[in-house]
C-alpha atoms as a PDB file:
ATOM      1  CA  MET A   1      -2.145 -22.306 -14.830  1.00  0.00           C
ATOM      2  CA  GLY A   2       1.271 -22.450 -16.388  1.00  0.00           C
ATOM      3  CA  PHE A   3       4.563 -22.889 -14.677  1.00  0.00           C
ATOM      4  CA  PHE A   4       5.384 -19.003 -15.387  1.00  0.00           C
ATOM      5  CA  ASP A   5       1.977 -18.003 -13.787  1.00  0.00           C
ATOM      6  CA  LEU A   6       3.654 -18.830 -10.454  1.00  0.00           C
ATOM      7  CA  PHE A   7       5.948 -15.893 -11.044  1.00  0.00           C
ATOM      8  CA  LYS A   8       3.533 -13.244 -12.090  1.00  0.00           C
ATOM      9  CA  LYS A   9       2.489 -10.347  -9.496  1.00  0.00           C
ATOM     10  CA  LYS A  10      -0.892 -10.460  -8.476  1.00  0.00           C
ATOM     11  CA  TYR A  11      -1.089  -6.818  -7.941  1.00  0.00           C
ATOM     12  CA  GLN A  12      -0.205  -3.664 -10.129  1.00  0.00           C
ATOM     13  CA  THR A  13       2.053  -0.765  -9.331  1.00  0.00           C
ATOM     14  CA  ILE A  14       0.831   2.747  -9.771  1.00  0.00           C
ATOM     15  CA  SER A  15       2.232   6.111  -9.444  1.00  0.00           C
ATOM     16  CA  PRO A  16       1.461   8.252  -6.408  1.00  0.00           C
ATOM     17  CA  ALA A  17      -0.617  10.586  -8.608  1.00  0.00           C
ATOM     18  CA  ASP A  18      -2.848   7.749  -9.595  1.00  0.00           C
ATOM     19  CA  ALA A  19      -3.118   6.428  -5.997  1.00  0.00           C
ATOM     20  CA  HIS A  20      -3.921   9.839  -4.755  1.00  0.00           C
ATOM     21  CA  GLN A  21      -6.772   9.913  -7.088  1.00  0.00           C
ATOM     22  CA  LEU A  22      -7.879   6.376  -6.194  1.00  0.00           C
ATOM     23  CA  SER A  23      -7.820   7.138  -2.595  1.00  0.00           C
ATOM     24  CA  LYS A  24      -9.970  10.268  -3.390  1.00  0.00           C
ATOM     25  CA  ASP A  25     -12.268   8.071  -5.148  1.00  0.00           C
ATOM     26  CA  GLY A  26     -12.694   5.574  -1.926  1.00  0.00           C
ATOM     27  CA  ALA A  27      -9.881   3.075  -2.206  1.00  0.00           C
ATOM     28  CA  PHE A  28      -8.612   1.986   1.369  1.00  0.00           C
ATOM     29  CA  PHE A  29      -4.960   3.508   1.854  1.00  0.00           C
ATOM     30  CA  ILE A  30      -2.437   1.656   4.342  1.00  0.00           C
ATOM     31  CA  ASP A  31       1.217   2.803   5.138  1.00  0.00           C
ATOM     32  CA  VAL A  32       3.271  -0.286   6.259  1.00  0.00           C
ATOM     33  CA  ARG A  33       5.905   1.297   7.735  1.00  0.00           C
ATOM     34  CA  THR A  34       6.745   1.278  11.582  1.00  0.00           C
ATOM     35  CA  PRO A  35       4.580   3.560  13.681  1.00  0.00           C
ATOM     36  CA  ALA A  36       7.889   5.796  14.451  1.00  0.00           C
ATOM     37  CA  GLU A  37       8.399   6.356  10.656  1.00  0.00           C
ATOM     38  CA  TYR A  38       4.661   6.915  10.040  1.00  0.00           C
ATOM     39  CA  LYS A  39       4.666   9.666  12.590  1.00  0.00           C
ATOM     40  CA  THR A  40       7.426  11.434  10.777  1.00  0.00           C
ATOM     41  CA  GLY A  41       5.119  12.254   7.885  1.00  0.00           C
ATOM     42  CA  HIS A  42       2.793   9.987   5.674  1.00  0.00           C
ATOM     43  CA  ALA A  43       0.468  10.418   2.680  1.00  0.00           C
ATOM     44  CA  SER A  44      -2.680  11.916   3.901  1.00  0.00           C
ATOM     45  CA  GLY A  45      -5.432   9.607   4.199  1.00  0.00           C
ATOM     46  CA  THR A  46      -3.387   6.390   5.127  1.00  0.00           C
ATOM     47  CA  ARG A  47      -3.661   4.339   8.093  1.00  0.00           C
ATOM     48  CA  ASN A  48      -0.888   2.755   9.686  1.00  0.00           C
ATOM     49  CA  VAL A  49      -0.780  -0.962   9.572  1.00  0.00           C
ATOM     50  CA  PRO A  50       2.929  -2.029   9.998  1.00  0.00           C
ATOM     51  CA  LEU A  51       4.141  -4.772   7.821  1.00  0.00           C
ATOM     52  CA  GLN A  52       5.159  -6.682  10.920  1.00  0.00           C
ATOM     53  CA  ASN A  53       1.578  -6.586  12.339  1.00  0.00           C
ATOM     54  CA  LEU A  54      -0.260  -7.038   8.916  1.00  0.00           C
ATOM     55  CA  GLN A  55      -1.188 -10.790   9.496  1.00  0.00           C
ATOM     56  CA  ASN A  56      -2.848  -9.975  12.914  1.00  0.00           C
ATOM     57  CA  ARG A  57      -4.570  -6.947  11.285  1.00  0.00           C
ATOM     58  CA  LEU A  58      -6.572  -8.481   8.254  1.00  0.00           C
ATOM     59  CA  ARG A  59      -9.698  -8.040   9.976  1.00  0.00           C
ATOM     60  CA  ASP A  60      -9.183  -4.289   9.872  1.00  0.00           C
ATOM     61  CA  LEU A  61      -8.947  -4.467   5.977  1.00  0.00           C
ATOM     62  CA  PRO A  62     -12.140  -4.226   4.065  1.00  0.00           C
ATOM     63  CA  LYS A  63     -12.083  -7.134   1.209  1.00  0.00           C
ATOM     64  CA  GLU A  64     -14.711  -5.438  -0.609  1.00  0.00           C
ATOM     65  CA  ARG A  65     -12.638  -2.438  -1.446  1.00  0.00           C
ATOM     66  CA  GLN A  66      -9.376  -1.807  -3.239  1.00  0.00           C
ATOM     67  CA  ILE A  67      -6.452  -1.517  -1.024  1.00  0.00           C
ATOM     68  CA  LEU A  68      -3.429   0.886  -1.933  1.00  0.00           C
ATOM     69  CA  VAL A  69      -0.282   0.115   0.055  1.00  0.00           C
ATOM     70  CA  ILE A  70       2.674   2.418   0.670  1.00  0.00           C
ATOM     71  CA  CYS A  71       5.789   2.544   2.575  1.00  0.00           C
ATOM     72  CA  GLN A  72       9.205   4.522   2.346  1.00  0.00           C
ATOM     73  CA  SER A  73      10.378   3.294  -0.860  1.00  0.00           C
ATOM     74  CA  GLY A  74       8.391   0.485  -2.306  1.00  0.00           C
ATOM     75  CA  ALA A  75       9.906  -2.529  -1.091  1.00  0.00           C
ATOM     76  CA  ARG A  76       7.865  -3.198   2.087  1.00  0.00           C
ATOM     77  CA  SER A  77       4.765  -2.368   0.353  1.00  0.00           C
ATOM     78  CA  ALA A  78       5.656  -4.749  -2.463  1.00  0.00           C
ATOM     79  CA  ASN A  79       5.960  -7.569   0.179  1.00  0.00           C
ATOM     80  CA  ALA A  80       2.468  -6.492   1.807  1.00  0.00           C
ATOM     81  CA  CYS A  81       0.989  -6.650  -1.527  1.00  0.00           C
ATOM     82  CA  ASN A  82       2.150 -10.292  -2.104  1.00  0.00           C
ATOM     83  CA  PHE A  83       1.006 -11.169   1.206  1.00  0.00           C
ATOM     84  CA  LEU A  84      -2.595  -9.697   1.127  1.00  0.00           C
ATOM     85  CA  SER A  85      -3.195 -10.813  -2.767  1.00  0.00           C
ATOM     86  CA  ALA A  86      -2.588 -14.306  -1.484  1.00  0.00           C
ATOM     87  CA  GLN A  87      -5.365 -13.540   1.201  1.00  0.00           C
ATOM     88  CA  GLY A  88      -7.727 -12.752  -1.534  1.00  0.00           C
ATOM     89  CA  TYR A  89      -7.523  -8.899  -1.300  1.00  0.00           C
ATOM     90  CA  ASN A  90      -7.376  -6.539  -4.253  1.00  0.00           C
ATOM     91  CA  VAL A  91      -4.167  -4.551  -3.718  1.00  0.00           C
ATOM     92  CA  VAL A  92      -2.125  -1.903  -5.401  1.00  0.00           C
ATOM     93  CA  ASN A  93       1.371  -1.075  -4.708  1.00  0.00           C
ATOM     94  CA  VAL A  94       2.353   2.609  -4.864  1.00  0.00           C
ATOM     95  CA  SER A  95       5.502   3.210  -6.763  1.00  0.00           C
ATOM     96  CA  GLY A  96       8.512   4.659  -4.955  1.00  0.00           C
ATOM     97  CA  GLY A  97       6.543   4.831  -1.665  1.00  0.00           C
ATOM     98  CA  THR A  98       6.570   7.941   0.567  1.00  0.00           C
ATOM     99  CA  ALA A  99       9.572   9.374  -0.640  1.00  0.00           C
ATOM    100  CA  ASN A 100       8.130   9.500  -4.303  1.00  0.00           C
ATOM    101  CA  TRP A 101       4.816  10.747  -2.852  1.00  0.00           C
ATOM    102  CA  GLN A 102       6.466  13.579  -1.420  1.00  0.00           C
ATOM    103  CA  ARG A 103       8.783  14.162  -4.226  1.00  0.00           C
ATOM    104  CA  SER A 104       5.494  14.487  -6.438  1.00  0.00           C
ATOM    105  CA  GLY A 105       4.167  17.305  -4.087  1.00  0.00           C
ATOM    106  CA  LEU A 106       1.005  15.168  -2.968  1.00  0.00           C
ATOM    107  CA  PRO A 107      -0.492  16.040   0.437  1.00  0.00           C
ATOM    108  CA  THR A 108       1.090  14.785   3.523  1.00  0.00           C
ATOM    109  CA  SER A 109       0.421  14.674   7.215  1.00  0.00           C
ATOM    110  CA  ARG A 110       2.144  14.283  10.419  1.00  0.00           C
END
């Protein structure tokens, strides 16, 4: 491992449309926003695992499945992806978060 490998992201960022397809194909999908934010509307099929509780909820996340991570804009989900990838999870960040998901016209729930 070279010096610059330390700065490489260990996850990829994909579009909401690609995330929607992966979710339909069986990826585990989490929303790391607060419960209050989650209740205002979220990508259909997500489970709420707030970023501040993530470390205590690892047992709820399947290591054998790819995990899609979304927040409101993409920043908190990127933090979650950094943490989860360091724990050995196969994670993918959803670009632009729930705001981009909704702009893309993808299914949401309340």
